[in-house]
């Protein structure tokens, strides 16, 4: 336990404590002024709002992908299963450049969308797509082992007792997956909130329009406004911690509600 606490302190707690101590250079009035500025509020809104939306989309689509990979056998299944891990291994800058080229107005996907009046690259939509791209593996890899361990005989038993497919999904399968789903959602959300490399290339980085909070922190650091940067970082840290803590509490509650199979 002592080794664990020491390592945790050196790697996580001490750097975070330094972050909070740096903000003490600001008076409460200065701290509040930084956080309530229009540019800061819009950056935080874009980062947290789009991260939550991307995590929710990953929750739904990731569950569908997991279901197809686990419950069905089809040609190329192992290849698709490996493709899911590409965002893990791909450098974020490479992902950002690739998505920008793909969704630019003359890109393979951007050109057809532009004809429909939809602009993706250099807009908040592009940020959302980048966050979905980097977050999908967290949901898939968190839910997949749980679904593999879920005995198909449970579904057969439910069907033999007269349950239709929808009842089986929502009353038998989904309750068993809820803890894993919440964990995948929290991981995807946390990953999206802190994402930088893949987002800045496709975002356009326009203040108050498509500027994310991590980029604003980097800008403040380049301006040697270190206290301003740490103030924004502290707010991001606290907000992300509260959201992840709430999701973890929901996960624990769900685990107590799920019967053991």
Protein backbone atom coordinates (compact mmCIF):
# COMPACT_ATOMS: atom_id res chain seq x y z
CA UNK A 1 0.00 0.00 0.00
CA UNK A 2 2.86 2.37 0.82
CA UNK A 3 4.49 1.72 -2.54
CA UNK A 4 1.17 2.29 -4.29
CA UNK A 5 0.52 5.59 -2.51
CA UNK A 6 4.08 6.77 -3.13
CA UNK A 7 3.91 6.01 -6.84
CA UNK A 8 0.42 7.56 -7.09
CA UNK A 9 1.66 10.70 -5.34
CA UNK A 10 4.73 11.10 -7.55
CA UNK A 11 2.88 10.49 -10.82
CA UNK A 12 -0.50 12.12 -10.16
CA UNK A 13 -1.08 13.86 -6.82
CA UNK A 14 2.04 16.05 -6.67
CA UNK A 15 1.64 17.42 -10.25
CA UNK A 16 -2.03 18.13 -9.59
CA UNK A 17 -1.18 19.84 -6.31
CA UNK A 18 1.31 22.01 -8.17
CA UNK A 19 -1.44 22.94 -10.61
CA UNK A 20 -3.69 24.13 -7.79
CA UNK A 21 -0.85 25.97 -6.03
CA UNK A 22 -0.07 27.89 -9.22
CA UNK A 23 -3.59 29.30 -9.29
CA UNK A 24 -3.03 30.80 -5.81
CA UNK A 25 -1.04 33.52 -7.56
CA UNK A 26 -4.41 34.86 -8.69
CA UNK A 27 -6.80 36.73 -6.45
CA UNK A 28 -10.39 35.43 -6.33
CA UNK A 29 -11.43 38.35 -8.51
CA UNK A 30 -8.78 37.61 -11.13
CA UNK A 31 -9.62 33.90 -11.08
CA UNK A 32 -13.31 34.63 -11.60
CA UNK A 33 -12.58 37.14 -14.35
CA UNK A 34 -10.53 34.59 -16.28
CA UNK A 35 -13.18 31.89 -16.00
CA UNK A 36 -16.10 34.14 -16.89
CA UNK A 37 -14.47 35.69 -19.93
CA UNK A 38 -16.35 35.01 -23.16
CA UNK A 39 -13.48 33.18 -24.78
CA UNK A 40 -12.91 30.85 -21.81
CA UNK A 41 -16.60 30.02 -21.38
CA UNK A 42 -17.00 29.23 -25.07
CA UNK A 43 -13.88 27.05 -25.08
CA UNK A 44 -15.11 25.11 -22.06
CA UNK A 45 -18.59 24.78 -23.55
CA UNK A 46 -17.19 23.40 -26.80
CA UNK A 47 -14.83 20.97 -25.06
CA UNK A 48 -17.28 19.55 -22.53
CA UNK A 49 -20.41 19.76 -24.69
CA UNK A 50 -18.92 18.03 -27.71
CA UNK A 51 -17.07 15.51 -25.51
CA UNK A 52 -20.33 14.49 -23.86
CA UNK A 53 -22.10 14.22 -27.22
CA UNK A 54 -19.23 12.20 -28.72
CA UNK A 55 -19.15 9.85 -25.71
CA UNK A 56 -22.89 9.27 -26.01
CA UNK A 57 -22.61 8.48 -29.72
CA UNK A 58 -19.71 6.13 -28.97
CA UNK A 59 -21.82 4.47 -26.28
CA UNK A 60 -24.57 3.65 -28.78
CA UNK A 61 -22.45 2.82 -31.82
CA UNK A 62 -19.80 1.03 -29.77
CA UNK A 63 -22.45 -1.28 -28.30
CA UNK A 64 -23.70 -2.11 -31.79
CA UNK A 65 -20.15 -2.82 -32.98
CA UNK A 66 -19.46 -5.04 -29.97
CA UNK A 67 -22.69 -6.97 -30.53
CA UNK A 68 -21.79 -7.62 -34.17
CA UNK A 69 -18.22 -8.67 -33.35
CA UNK A 70 -19.19 -11.01 -30.50
CA UNK A 71 -22.48 -12.54 -31.59
CA UNK A 72 -21.98 -12.91 -35.34
CA UNK A 73 -19.47 -14.71 -37.53
CA UNK A 74 -18.78 -13.09 -40.90
CA UNK A 75 -15.86 -12.77 -43.34
CA UNK A 76 -13.31 -10.23 -42.18
CA UNK A 77 -14.55 -10.18 -38.57
CA UNK A 78 -11.02 -10.43 -37.16
CA UNK A 79 -9.89 -7.62 -39.45
CA UNK A 80 -12.70 -5.35 -38.27
CA UNK A 81 -11.91 -6.30 -34.69
CA UNK A 82 -8.31 -5.17 -35.23
CA UNK A 83 -9.40 -1.94 -36.95
CA UNK A 84 -11.17 -0.88 -33.75
CA UNK A 85 -7.77 -0.50 -32.07
CA UNK A 86 -6.33 1.83 -34.71
CA UNK A 87 -7.16 5.04 -32.76
CA UNK A 88 -5.13 3.59 -29.86
CA UNK A 89 -1.99 3.13 -31.95
CA UNK A 90 -2.32 6.00 -34.41
CA UNK A 91 -0.56 9.25 -33.42
CA UNK A 92 -3.20 11.88 -32.75
CA UNK A 93 -1.60 14.35 -35.16
CA UNK A 94 -1.78 11.77 -37.95
CA UNK A 95 -5.44 11.16 -37.14
CA UNK A 96 -6.13 14.89 -37.25
CA UNK A 97 -4.44 15.35 -40.61
CA UNK A 98 -6.22 12.31 -42.07
CA UNK A 99 -9.65 13.48 -40.87
CA UNK A 100 -9.00 16.99 -42.15
CA UNK A 101 -8.09 15.73 -45.61
CA UNK A 102 -11.08 13.41 -45.63
CA UNK A 103 -13.65 16.02 -44.58
CA UNK A 104 -12.18 19.08 -46.30
CA UNK A 105 -14.41 20.69 -48.91
CA UNK A 106 -12.53 18.83 -51.64
CA UNK A 107 -12.06 15.63 -49.64
CA UNK A 108 -13.66 12.28 -50.34
CA UNK A 109 -16.40 12.82 -47.77
CA UNK A 110 -16.22 16.59 -47.46
CA UNK A 111 -17.05 17.26 -51.13
CA UNK A 112 -20.41 15.38 -51.13
CA UNK A 113 -21.33 16.98 -47.80
CA UNK A 114 -20.38 20.43 -49.12
CA UNK A 115 -22.82 19.96 -52.01
CA UNK A 116 -25.52 19.42 -49.39
CA UNK A 117 -24.48 22.61 -47.62
CA UNK A 118 -22.77 20.81 -44.73
CA UNK A 119 -19.28 21.98 -43.81
CA UNK A 120 -17.36 19.66 -41.52
CA UNK A 121 -13.69 20.64 -41.50
CA UNK A 122 -12.82 23.74 -39.47
CA UNK A 123 -16.17 23.71 -37.66
CA UNK A 124 -17.44 22.25 -34.36
CA UNK A 125 -18.77 19.31 -36.39
CA UNK A 126 -15.19 18.41 -37.24
CA UNK A 127 -14.26 18.53 -33.56
CA UNK A 128 -17.15 16.20 -32.79
CA UNK A 129 -16.05 13.69 -35.47
CA UNK A 130 -12.46 13.71 -34.18
CA UNK A 131 -13.68 13.04 -30.64
CA UNK A 132 -15.85 10.17 -31.83
CA UNK A 133 -12.89 8.71 -33.72
CA UNK A 134 -10.53 8.66 -30.75
CA UNK A 135 -13.18 7.53 -28.23
CA UNK A 136 -14.82 4.53 -29.92
CA UNK A 137 -12.19 1.94 -28.85
CA UNK A 138 -12.77 2.68 -25.16
CA UNK A 139 -16.41 1.63 -25.33
CA UNK A 140 -15.78 -1.39 -27.55
CA UNK A 141 -12.91 -2.81 -25.51
CA UNK A 142 -14.68 -2.20 -22.20
CA UNK A 143 -17.96 -3.86 -23.16
CA UNK A 144 -16.57 -6.66 -25.32
CA UNK A 145 -15.22 -8.97 -22.56
CA UNK A 146 -18.43 -8.58 -20.55
CA UNK A 147 -20.57 -9.53 -23.53
CA UNK A 148 -18.29 -12.48 -24.30
CA UNK A 149 -18.75 -13.78 -20.73
CA UNK A 150 -22.54 -13.33 -20.90
CA UNK A 151 -23.92 -16.83 -21.41
CA UNK A 152 -26.23 -17.06 -24.47
CA UNK A 153 -28.25 -19.64 -22.54
CA UNK A 154 -29.69 -16.78 -20.51
CA UNK A 155 -31.28 -15.39 -23.65
CA UNK A 156 -32.57 -18.84 -24.57
CA UNK A 157 -34.08 -19.20 -21.12
CA UNK A 158 -35.79 -15.82 -21.44
CA UNK A 159 -37.16 -16.79 -24.85
CA UNK A 160 -38.45 -20.12 -23.49
CA UNK A 161 -40.34 -18.20 -20.81
CA UNK A 162 -42.12 -16.16 -23.48
CA UNK A 163 -39.96 -13.01 -23.67
CA UNK A 164 -39.69 -11.43 -27.10
CA UNK A 165 -36.43 -10.07 -28.48
CA UNK A 166 -36.88 -6.54 -27.13
CA UNK A 167 -37.75 -7.80 -23.64
CA UNK A 168 -34.67 -10.02 -23.69
CA UNK A 169 -32.43 -7.13 -24.70
CA UNK A 170 -33.77 -4.57 -22.22
CA UNK A 171 -34.56 -6.87 -19.28
CA UNK A 172 -31.79 -9.49 -19.50
CA UNK A 173 -28.83 -8.35 -21.60
CA UNK A 174 -28.70 -4.59 -21.05
CA UNK A 175 -28.79 -4.68 -17.21
CA UNK A 176 -25.75 -6.96 -17.24
CA UNK A 177 -23.89 -4.56 -19.53
CA UNK A 178 -24.74 -1.30 -17.76
CA UNK A 179 -21.61 -1.17 -15.51
CA UNK A 180 -19.34 -1.79 -18.50
CA UNK A 181 -21.29 0.69 -20.63
CA UNK A 182 -20.93 3.40 -18.00
CA UNK A 183 -17.21 2.69 -17.69
CA UNK A 184 -16.76 2.92 -21.46
CA UNK A 185 -18.75 6.16 -21.53
CA UNK A 186 -16.60 7.69 -18.78
CA UNK A 187 -13.35 6.66 -20.49
CA UNK A 188 -14.49 7.97 -23.89
CA UNK A 189 -15.62 11.25 -22.31
CA UNK A 190 -12.37 11.73 -20.40
CA UNK A 191 -10.35 10.96 -23.52
CA UNK A 192 -12.33 13.45 -25.59
CA UNK A 193 -12.09 16.26 -23.02
CA UNK A 194 -8.31 16.07 -22.98
CA UNK A 195 -7.84 15.46 -26.70
CA UNK A 196 -5.59 17.95 -28.48
CA UNK A 197 -3.58 16.55 -31.39
CA UNK A 198 -6.36 15.18 -33.58
CA UNK A 199 -8.71 18.11 -32.88
CA UNK A 200 -6.60 21.17 -33.61
CA UNK A 201 -6.06 20.18 -37.25
CA UNK A 202 -9.75 19.81 -38.09
CA UNK A 203 -11.17 22.41 -35.70
CA UNK A 204 -10.13 25.62 -37.42
CA UNK A 205 -9.33 27.01 -33.94
CA UNK A 206 -11.43 30.14 -34.27
CA UNK A 207 -11.93 31.88 -30.90
CA UNK A 208 -15.52 31.57 -29.61
CA UNK A 209 -16.39 29.30 -32.56
CA UNK A 210 -14.19 26.20 -32.75
CA UNK A 211 -11.54 26.71 -30.10
CA UNK A 212 -11.22 23.94 -27.51
CA UNK A 213 -10.10 24.50 -23.92
CA UNK A 214 -6.79 22.55 -24.22
CA UNK A 215 -5.80 24.79 -27.14
CA UNK A 216 -6.67 27.90 -25.14
CA UNK A 217 -4.41 26.63 -22.36
CA UNK A 218 -1.54 26.20 -24.84
CA UNK A 219 -2.17 29.73 -26.18
CA UNK A 220 -2.05 31.20 -22.69
CA UNK A 221 1.21 29.34 -22.02
CA UNK A 222 2.72 30.69 -25.23
CA UNK A 223 1.72 34.17 -24.04
CA UNK A 224 3.52 33.47 -20.72
CA UNK A 225 0.22 33.85 -18.87
CA UNK A 226 0.86 30.77 -16.77
CA UNK A 227 -1.64 31.60 -14.03
CA UNK A 228 -4.39 32.03 -16.62
CA UNK A 229 -3.53 28.66 -18.15
CA UNK A 230 -3.55 26.88 -14.80
CA UNK A 231 -6.88 28.51 -13.87
CA UNK A 232 -8.52 27.05 -16.98
CA UNK A 233 -6.80 23.71 -16.37
CA UNK A 234 -8.09 23.58 -12.78
CA UNK A 235 -11.66 24.15 -13.92
CA UNK A 236 -11.33 21.42 -16.55
CA UNK A 237 -9.85 19.07 -13.97
CA UNK A 238 -12.59 19.68 -11.42
CA UNK A 239 -15.41 19.44 -13.96
CA UNK A 240 -14.03 16.23 -15.46
CA UNK A 241 -13.52 14.75 -11.99
CA UNK A 242 -17.08 15.52 -10.92
CA UNK A 243 -18.54 13.99 -14.08
CA UNK A 244 -16.36 10.87 -13.93
CA UNK A 245 -17.07 10.50 -10.19
CA UNK A 246 -20.80 10.67 -10.88
CA UNK A 247 -20.50 8.07 -13.63
CA UNK A 248 -18.48 5.79 -11.33
CA UNK A 249 -21.12 6.10 -8.64
CA UNK A 250 -23.76 5.15 -11.18
CA UNK A 251 -21.59 2.22 -12.19
CA UNK A 252 -21.34 0.98 -8.60
CA UNK A 253 -25.07 1.42 -8.14
CA UNK A 254 -25.70 -0.57 -11.32
CA UNK A 255 -23.39 -3.35 -10.15
CA UNK A 256 -25.43 -3.75 -6.96
CA UNK A 257 -28.64 -3.89 -9.01
CA UNK A 258 -27.42 -6.47 -11.52
CA UNK A 259 -28.05 -10.05 -10.40
CA UNK A 260 -25.17 -12.50 -10.60
CA UNK A 261 -25.52 -14.96 -13.49
